[in-house]
């Protein structure tokens, strides 16, 4: 029953987190990432060694235009490959930190 409630809560967050004019990109990405982490935790796939990479790929695909807008002022002189690398680095770090935060909140102890 608790798993169903978590999924309903996560789904409602995702629906309300669709990028809109009044929601900045990182807020939308953060809600999406948190929802995906909750889903993976419920499914038991959170400990998959490729989870961060897969979630990073998903975020890059889903929020590509928003990420381009976020890095535009910093990436004026970068090549397209460098821009993609910058987006991947930012998102993968964000995903890793988000996973740590969820773990700490659930267990009340740090990872290290």
Protein backbone atom coordinates (compact mmCIF):
# COMPACT_ATOMS: atom_id res chain seq x y z
CA UNK A 1 0.00 0.00 0.00
CA UNK A 2 2.81 2.40 0.87
CA UNK A 3 4.44 1.71 -2.50
CA UNK A 4 1.25 2.65 -4.30
CA UNK A 5 1.01 5.88 -2.32
CA UNK A 6 4.62 6.71 -3.15
CA UNK A 7 3.96 6.12 -6.86
CA UNK A 8 0.84 8.30 -6.77
CA UNK A 9 2.77 11.04 -4.97
CA UNK A 10 5.68 10.76 -7.42
CA UNK A 11 3.33 10.83 -10.41
CA UNK A 12 1.58 13.93 -9.11
CA UNK A 13 4.97 15.60 -8.63
CA UNK A 14 6.00 14.75 -12.17
CA UNK A 15 2.77 16.07 -13.64
CA UNK A 16 3.10 19.32 -11.72
CA UNK A 17 6.81 19.54 -12.56
CA UNK A 18 6.39 19.87 -16.30
CA UNK A 19 8.58 22.74 -17.42
CA UNK A 20 6.43 25.84 -17.50
CA UNK A 21 7.19 29.53 -17.61
CA UNK A 22 6.93 29.86 -13.83
CA UNK A 23 9.11 26.80 -13.06
CA UNK A 24 12.84 27.16 -13.63
CA UNK A 25 14.76 24.37 -15.36
CA UNK A 26 16.63 23.05 -12.33
CA UNK A 27 13.44 22.84 -10.29
CA UNK A 28 11.79 20.76 -12.99
CA UNK A 29 14.89 18.59 -13.37
CA UNK A 30 15.14 18.17 -9.61
CA UNK A 31 11.55 17.01 -9.29
CA UNK A 32 11.98 14.63 -12.22
CA UNK A 33 15.21 13.18 -10.77
CA UNK A 34 13.67 12.78 -7.31
CA UNK A 35 10.70 11.00 -8.83
CA UNK A 36 12.94 8.63 -10.79
CA UNK A 37 14.99 7.90 -7.66
CA UNK A 38 11.81 7.11 -5.72
CA UNK A 39 10.62 4.82 -8.50
CA UNK A 40 13.99 3.03 -8.65
CA UNK A 41 14.00 2.66 -4.87
CA UNK A 42 10.50 1.17 -4.95
CA UNK A 43 11.48 -1.23 -7.75
CA UNK A 44 14.74 -2.14 -6.02
CA UNK A 45 16.91 -0.97 -8.92
CA UNK A 46 18.50 1.94 -7.06
CA UNK A 47 21.68 -0.09 -6.41
CA UNK A 48 22.26 -0.84 -10.09
CA UNK A 49 25.84 0.28 -10.85
CA UNK A 50 24.65 1.97 -14.05
CA UNK A 51 21.71 3.79 -12.48
CA UNK A 52 23.41 7.21 -12.37
CA UNK A 53 24.52 6.93 -15.99
CA UNK A 54 21.08 5.78 -17.17
CA UNK A 55 19.27 8.51 -15.25
CA UNK A 56 21.75 11.09 -16.57
CA UNK A 57 21.02 9.96 -20.13
CA UNK A 58 17.28 10.18 -19.49
CA UNK A 59 17.54 13.71 -18.07
CA UNK A 60 19.76 14.84 -20.95
CA UNK A 61 17.24 13.51 -23.46
CA UNK A 62 14.17 14.91 -21.70
CA UNK A 63 15.55 18.34 -20.73
CA UNK A 64 17.99 19.04 -23.58
CA UNK A 65 16.60 22.46 -24.55
CA UNK A 66 16.31 23.61 -20.95
CA UNK A 67 19.90 22.58 -20.27
CA UNK A 68 21.07 24.41 -23.40
CA UNK A 69 19.41 27.55 -22.07
CA UNK A 70 20.97 27.06 -18.62
CA UNK A 71 24.54 26.79 -19.93
CA UNK A 72 24.20 29.36 -22.73
CA UNK A 73 25.85 32.21 -20.85
CA UNK A 74 28.82 30.02 -19.83
CA UNK A 75 29.25 28.11 -23.08
CA UNK A 76 29.52 30.87 -25.65
CA UNK A 77 33.01 29.87 -26.76
CA UNK A 78 32.61 26.10 -26.46
CA UNK A 79 32.29 23.62 -29.31
CA UNK A 80 29.11 21.50 -29.50
CA UNK A 81 31.01 18.51 -28.08
CA UNK A 82 32.25 20.60 -25.16
CA UNK A 83 28.70 21.84 -24.51
CA UNK A 84 27.42 18.27 -24.41
CA UNK A 85 30.24 17.30 -22.04
CA UNK A 86 29.41 20.23 -19.78
CA UNK A 87 25.73 19.29 -19.68
CA UNK A 88 26.59 15.64 -18.96
CA UNK A 89 28.96 16.64 -16.14
CA UNK A 90 26.42 18.97 -14.54
CA UNK A 91 23.58 16.48 -14.74
CA UNK A 92 25.57 13.44 -13.57
CA UNK A 93 26.83 15.37 -10.54
CA UNK A 94 23.31 16.58 -9.80
CA UNK A 95 21.95 13.02 -10.04
CA UNK A 96 24.71 11.65 -7.78
CA UNK A 97 24.12 14.32 -5.15
CA UNK A 98 20.36 13.77 -5.32
CA UNK A 99 20.80 10.03 -4.72
CA UNK A 100 23.01 10.75 -1.69
CA UNK A 101 20.44 13.19 -0.29
CA UNK A 102 17.63 10.67 -0.62
CA UNK A 103 19.77 7.96 1.00
CA UNK A 104 20.70 10.21 3.92
CA UNK A 105 17.08 11.31 4.44
CA UNK A 106 15.84 7.72 4.42
CA UNK A 107 18.54 6.18 6.59
CA UNK A 108 19.54 9.23 8.66
CA UNK A 109 23.19 8.36 8.12
CA UNK A 110 25.78 9.46 5.55
CA UNK A 111 27.06 7.19 2.80
CA UNK A 112 30.67 7.37 3.95
